[in-house]
Structure formats: structure tokens, C-alpha cells
C-alpha atoms as a PDB file:
ATOM      1  CA  MET A   1     -21.923 -34.379  43.894  1.00  0.00           C
ATOM      2  CA  PRO A   2     -21.028 -32.926  47.301  1.00  0.00           C
ATOM      3  CA  ALA A   3     -22.425 -34.668  50.386  1.00  0.00           C
ATOM      4  CA  VAL A   4     -23.419 -31.260  51.758  1.00  0.00           C
ATOM      5  CA  ILE A   5     -24.590 -28.325  49.676  1.00  0.00           C
ATOM      6  CA  THR A   6     -24.336 -24.957  51.413  1.00  0.00           C
ATOM      7  CA  ALA A   7     -26.273 -22.001  50.063  1.00  0.00           C
ATOM      8  CA  ALA A   8     -27.191 -18.512  51.232  1.00  0.00           C
ATOM      9  CA  THR A   9     -30.631 -17.013  50.598  1.00  0.00           C
ATOM     10  CA  ASP A  10     -31.869 -13.456  50.849  1.00  0.00           C
ATOM     11  CA  GLY A  11     -34.727 -11.193  49.875  1.00  0.00           C
ATOM     12  CA  SER A  12     -35.281  -7.487  49.415  1.00  0.00           C
ATOM     13  CA  ALA A  13     -38.339  -5.284  48.992  1.00  0.00           C
ATOM     14  CA  LEU A  14     -38.127  -1.611  48.119  1.00  0.00           C
ATOM     15  CA  GLY A  15     -40.857   0.113  50.080  1.00  0.00           C
ATOM     16  CA  ASN A  16     -41.870  -3.138  51.816  1.00  0.00           C
ATOM     17  CA  PRO A  17     -44.163  -3.843  50.096  1.00  0.00           C
ATOM     18  CA  GLY A  18     -42.841  -2.748  46.763  1.00  0.00           C
ATOM     19  CA  PRO A  19     -40.646  -4.065  43.985  1.00  0.00           C
ATOM     20  CA  ALA A  20     -38.992  -7.158  45.435  1.00  0.00           C
ATOM     21  CA  GLY A  21     -36.145  -9.485  44.620  1.00  0.00           C
ATOM     22  CA  TRP A  22     -34.875 -12.745  46.026  1.00  0.00           C
ATOM     23  CA  ALA A  23     -31.670 -14.704  45.527  1.00  0.00           C
ATOM     24  CA  TRP A  24     -29.916 -17.891  46.474  1.00  0.00           C
ATOM     25  CA  VAL A  25     -26.214 -18.544  45.987  1.00  0.00           C
ATOM     26  CA  ILE A  26     -24.130 -21.691  46.264  1.00  0.00           C
ATOM     27  CA  ASP A  27     -21.113 -20.462  44.300  1.00  0.00           C
ATOM     28  CA  LYS A  28     -20.306 -18.444  41.169  1.00  0.00           C
ATOM     29  CA  GLN A  29     -21.766 -21.139  38.880  1.00  0.00           C
ATOM     30  CA  ASN A  30     -24.843 -21.991  40.968  1.00  0.00           C
ATOM     31  CA  TRP A  31     -27.218 -19.152  41.810  1.00  0.00           C
ATOM     32  CA  ARG A  32     -30.586 -17.764  40.830  1.00  0.00           C
ATOM     33  CA  VAL A  33     -32.705 -14.667  41.342  1.00  0.00           C
ATOM     34  CA  GLY A  34     -36.297 -13.662  40.800  1.00  0.00           C
ATOM     35  CA  GLY A  35     -38.870 -11.271  42.114  1.00  0.00           C
ATOM     36  CA  TRP A  36     -42.103  -9.379  41.688  1.00  0.00           C
ATOM     37  CA  GLN A  37     -43.420  -5.908  41.022  1.00  0.00           C
ATOM     38  CA  HIS A  38     -45.101  -5.850  44.440  1.00  0.00           C
ATOM     39  CA  ALA A  39     -44.217  -8.002  47.444  1.00  0.00           C
ATOM     40  CA  THR A  40     -42.882  -7.815  50.988  1.00  0.00           C
ATOM     41  CA  ASN A  41     -39.384  -8.513  52.221  1.00  0.00           C
ATOM     42  CA  ASN A  42     -40.631 -11.611  54.053  1.00  0.00           C
ATOM     43  CA  GLN A  43     -42.247 -12.962  50.875  1.00  0.00           C
ATOM     44  CA  ALA A  44     -38.950 -12.465  49.027  1.00  0.00           C
ATOM     45  CA  GLU A  45     -36.987 -14.159  51.834  1.00  0.00           C
ATOM     46  CA  LEU A  46     -39.362 -17.149  51.757  1.00  0.00           C
ATOM     47  CA  MET A  47     -39.323 -17.412  47.962  1.00  0.00           C
ATOM     48  CA  ALA A  48     -35.525 -17.549  47.916  1.00  0.00           C
ATOM     49  CA  VAL A  49     -35.650 -20.637  50.133  1.00  0.00           C
ATOM     50  CA  LEU A  50     -38.506 -22.205  48.160  1.00  0.00           C
ATOM     51  CA  ASP A  51     -36.764 -21.755  44.831  1.00  0.00           C
ATOM     52  CA  LEU A  52     -33.534 -23.194  46.253  1.00  0.00           C
ATOM     53  CA  LEU A  53     -35.414 -26.235  47.571  1.00  0.00           C
ATOM     54  CA  ARG A  54     -37.066 -26.767  44.204  1.00  0.00           C
ATOM     55  CA  ALA A  55     -33.807 -26.348  42.295  1.00  0.00           C
ATOM     56  CA  THR A  56     -31.989 -28.875  44.488  1.00  0.00           C
ATOM     57  CA  GLU A  57     -34.835 -31.361  44.947  1.00  0.00           C
ATOM     58  CA  ASN A  58     -32.962 -34.157  43.154  1.00  0.00           C
ATOM     59  CA  ALA A  59     -29.592 -33.490  44.763  1.00  0.00           C
ATOM     60  CA  ALA A  60     -28.321 -36.149  47.123  1.00  0.00           C
ATOM     61  CA  GLY A  61     -27.153 -35.330  50.618  1.00  0.00           C
ATOM     62  CA  GLU A  62     -27.832 -32.529  53.035  1.00  0.00           C
ATOM     63  CA  LEU A  63     -28.720 -28.953  52.178  1.00  0.00           C
ATOM     64  CA  VAL A  64     -27.495 -26.240  54.530  1.00  0.00           C
ATOM     65  CA  ILE A  65     -29.385 -22.981  54.073  1.00  0.00           C
ATOM     66  CA  GLN A  66     -27.789 -19.865  55.492  1.00  0.00           C
ATOM     67  CA  SER A  67     -30.160 -16.958  56.038  1.00  0.00           C
ATOM     68  CA  ASP A  68     -30.098 -13.628  57.829  1.00  0.00           C
ATOM     69  CA  SER A  69     -33.881 -13.866  58.323  1.00  0.00           C
ATOM     70  CA  LYS A  70     -34.920 -15.127  61.735  1.00  0.00           C
ATOM     71  CA  TYR A  71     -38.508 -14.947  60.456  1.00  0.00           C
ATOM     72  CA  VAL A  72     -37.735 -17.552  57.780  1.00  0.00           C
ATOM     73  CA  ILE A  73     -35.736 -19.821  60.062  1.00  0.00           C
ATOM     74  CA  ASP A  74     -38.197 -19.659  62.963  1.00  0.00           C
ATOM     75  CA  SER A  75     -41.179 -20.103  60.640  1.00  0.00           C
ATOM     76  CA  LEU A  76     -39.744 -23.254  59.081  1.00  0.00           C
ATOM     77  CA  THR A  77     -38.065 -24.818  62.120  1.00  0.00           C
ATOM     78  CA  LYS A  78     -40.128 -23.727  65.134  1.00  0.00           C
ATOM     79  CA  TRP A  79     -43.577 -22.434  64.265  1.00  0.00           C
ATOM     80  CA  MET A  80     -44.696 -24.488  61.272  1.00  0.00           C
ATOM     81  CA  PRO A  81     -45.588 -27.707  63.153  1.00  0.00           C
ATOM     82  CA  GLY A  82     -47.966 -25.766  65.426  1.00  0.00           C
ATOM     83  CA  TRP A  83     -49.468 -23.848  62.524  1.00  0.00           C
ATOM     84  CA  LYS A  84     -50.205 -27.078  60.687  1.00  0.00           C
ATOM     85  CA  LYS A  85     -51.886 -28.597  63.757  1.00  0.00           C
ATOM     86  CA  LYS A  86     -54.049 -25.489  64.088  1.00  0.00           C
ATOM     87  CA  GLY A  87     -55.116 -25.460  60.427  1.00  0.00           C
ATOM     88  CA  TRP A  88     -52.481 -22.905  59.418  1.00  0.00           C
ATOM     89  CA  ARG A  89     -53.440 -20.494  62.180  1.00  0.00           C
ATOM     90  CA  LYS A  90     -51.164 -18.780  64.664  1.00  0.00           C
ATOM     91  CA  ALA A  91     -51.441 -19.088  68.437  1.00  0.00           C
ATOM     92  CA  ASP A  92     -53.762 -16.056  68.495  1.00  0.00           C
ATOM     93  CA  GLY A  93     -56.110 -17.797  66.046  1.00  0.00           C
ATOM     94  CA  LYS A  94     -55.300 -15.463  63.152  1.00  0.00           C
ATOM     95  CA  PRO A  95     -54.300 -16.939  59.792  1.00  0.00           C
ATOM     96  CA  VAL A  96     -50.604 -17.474  59.163  1.00  0.00           C
ATOM     97  CA  LEU A  97     -49.138 -14.737  56.973  1.00  0.00           C
ATOM     98  CA  ASN A  98     -47.864 -15.852  53.574  1.00  0.00           C
ATOM     99  CA  VAL A  99     -49.695 -19.156  54.058  1.00  0.00           C
ATOM    100  CA  GLU A 100     -49.441 -20.208  50.395  1.00  0.00           C
ATOM    101  CA  LEU A 101     -45.657 -19.866  50.453  1.00  0.00           C
ATOM    102  CA  MET A 102     -45.506 -21.603  53.836  1.00  0.00           C
ATOM    103  CA  GLN A 103     -47.526 -24.548  52.538  1.00  0.00           C
ATOM    104  CA  GLU A 104     -45.319 -24.836  49.449  1.00  0.00           C
ATOM    105  CA  LEU A 105     -42.228 -24.698  51.653  1.00  0.00           C
ATOM    106  CA  ASP A 106     -43.700 -27.405  53.879  1.00  0.00           C
ATOM    107  CA  ARG A 107     -44.164 -29.665  50.847  1.00  0.00           C
ATOM    108  CA  ALA A 108     -40.681 -28.864  49.511  1.00  0.00           C
ATOM    109  CA  LEU A 109     -39.070 -29.676  52.878  1.00  0.00           C
ATOM    110  CA  THR A 110     -40.835 -33.034  53.223  1.00  0.00           C
ATOM    111  CA  GLY A 111     -38.353 -35.885  53.057  1.00  0.00           C
ATOM    112  CA  ARG A 112     -35.350 -33.567  52.745  1.00  0.00           C
ATOM    113  CA  LYS A 113     -32.357 -33.276  55.057  1.00  0.00           C
ATOM    114  CA  VAL A 114     -32.177 -29.503  55.456  1.00  0.00           C
ATOM    115  CA  THR A 115     -30.381 -27.523  58.131  1.00  0.00           C
ATOM    116  CA  PHE A 116     -30.856 -23.790  58.616  1.00  0.00           C
ATOM    117  CA  GLU A 117     -28.087 -21.526  59.879  1.00  0.00           C
ATOM    118  CA  TRP A 118     -28.655 -17.939  60.917  1.00  0.00           C
ATOM    119  CA  ILE A 119     -26.058 -15.536  59.533  1.00  0.00           C
ATOM    120  CA  LYS A 120     -25.871 -11.961  60.764  1.00  0.00           C
ATOM    121  CA  GLY A 121     -26.719  -9.734  57.806  1.00  0.00           C
ATOM    122  CA  HIS A 122     -24.179  -7.223  56.508  1.00  0.00           C
ATOM    123  CA  SER A 123     -21.395  -8.828  58.534  1.00  0.00           C
ATOM    124  CA  GLY A 124     -19.012  -9.681  55.685  1.00  0.00           C
ATOM    125  CA  HIS A 125     -20.184 -13.290  55.214  1.00  0.00           C
ATOM    126  CA  LEU A 126     -19.352 -13.872  51.526  1.00  0.00           C
ATOM    127  CA  LEU A 127     -22.344 -15.999  50.474  1.00  0.00           C
ATOM    128  CA  ASN A 128     -24.806 -13.867  52.450  1.00  0.00           C
ATOM    129  CA  GLU A 129     -23.390 -10.629  51.060  1.00  0.00           C
ATOM    130  CA  THR A 130     -23.577 -12.027  47.521  1.00  0.00           C
ATOM    131  CA  ALA A 131     -27.196 -13.141  47.991  1.00  0.00           C
ATOM    132  CA  ASP A 132     -28.059  -9.747  49.489  1.00  0.00           C
ATOM    133  CA  THR A 133     -26.471  -7.864  46.594  1.00  0.00           C
ATOM    134  CA  LEU A 134     -28.279 -10.004  44.024  1.00  0.00           C
ATOM    135  CA  ALA A 135     -31.631  -9.637  45.811  1.00  0.00           C
ATOM    136  CA  VAL A 136     -31.304  -5.845  46.012  1.00  0.00           C
ATOM    137  CA  GLU A 137     -30.173  -5.610  42.372  1.00  0.00           C
ATOM    138  CA  THR A 138     -33.163  -7.722  41.340  1.00  0.00           C
ATOM    139  CA  ALA A 139     -35.604  -5.590  43.346  1.00  0.00           C
ATOM    140  CA  ASN A 140     -34.142  -2.528  41.616  1.00  0.00           C
ATOM    141  CA  SER A 141     -34.456  -4.268  38.255  1.00  0.00           C
ATOM    142  CA  PHE A 142     -38.152  -4.917  38.926  1.00  0.00           C
ATOM    143  CA  ARG A 143     -38.594  -1.269  39.906  1.00  0.00           C
ATOM    144  CA  VAL A 144     -36.920   0.001  36.721  1.00  0.00           C
ATOM    145  CA  HIS A 145     -37.604  -2.723  34.113  1.00  0.00           C
ATOM    146  CA  GLY A 146     -40.485  -4.741  35.580  1.00  0.00           C
ATOM    147  CA  THR A 147     -38.424  -7.937  35.467  1.00  0.00           C
ATOM    148  CA  ALA A 148     -35.112  -9.477  36.521  1.00  0.00           C
ATOM    149  CA  THR A 149     -32.365  -8.643  34.038  1.00  0.00           C
ATOM    150  CA  ASN A 150     -30.477 -11.926  34.626  1.00  0.00           C
ATOM    151  CA  ALA A 151     -32.110 -14.865  36.408  1.00  0.00           C
ATOM    152  CA  GLY A 152     -28.779 -16.675  36.816  1.00  0.00           C
ATOM    153  CA  PRO A 153     -27.577 -20.115  35.807  1.00  0.00           C
ATOM    154  CA  GLY A 154     -29.597 -22.053  38.393  1.00  0.00           C
ATOM    155  CA  PHE A 155     -28.372 -25.269  39.973  1.00  0.00           C
ATOM    156  CA  ASN A 156     -25.770 -27.235  38.019  1.00  0.00           C
ATOM    157  CA  LEU A 157     -23.945 -29.463  40.511  1.00  0.00           C
END
């Protein structure tokens, strides 16, 4: 088992909201996708991270999550502590968007050593490009078939 697991996550929504797909990728043998008939890009981005956290919950060591979504990274590393203190409300007093996903992510992050790295999207970064391609393909699959055509092997390290 590696001491550090590095994975890229991404999400895609056609129409935003619309058919959506998400993906996480560690390597060719460790990846997964999913999605919905109707969701936003941000929901797909968040779900990719949540599913990765769930899949690797029993893995030892650190998890490095690479994402091209500043919304995801800032939500989980900067804004969440304040939201929790304010009863899951933003600074303006309005409810946090995607609060159910945020609360699940908060629980999944508890007790974990997780580092987030921002990766510029569409810049040739292999893991990010792979996650992006899978997320877009999955969103298209939901648009055409109403489901993901191949959910992937999951986590097998």
C-alpha cells in the first residue's frame, strides 16, 4: 500500500444543470465514475471527491486530491469551518449551497490526512485530463442512456 495516494477528481454537467457525470482517477486500475440525470457541475465536482473519500476510507496514509475546481478546494479547506460555526450558513446568512454533499464531505474528511492540490484544467495534466474525459463521457452517457455505461473498477490498492 503506498504511503501517499494521489488521485484527480472532476465533474461535468451538460447544460449546468443537466445530465452530469463525475470521475476520480488514481491510475488505469483504480478509477470510478457516476452521475445523475439532472445536476450541476459543482455537485458533480463535489461528488467525485466524496466518492473517492468513501472508496479510500480504509487506506492507510495520506490522500492527495488534485482538482481543477477552486470551488471544491476552497469549500473544503477554507470556508467549511465558518459554515459549520454558523449552522451551515454563508457569511451573508444564506444557506450553503449543496449543503447535504458538504455535510457528507465533512464527515468523510474527519480523521483523514487529505491534501488538496489545484490543477489548471485542460493544461495537459494526465490524471486531470483523464478524470475530465471520464466525467464528460459519463455526463453524455446519462444524457443518452440515463445511466453510466461503465462505472469503473473502483479502488483496488
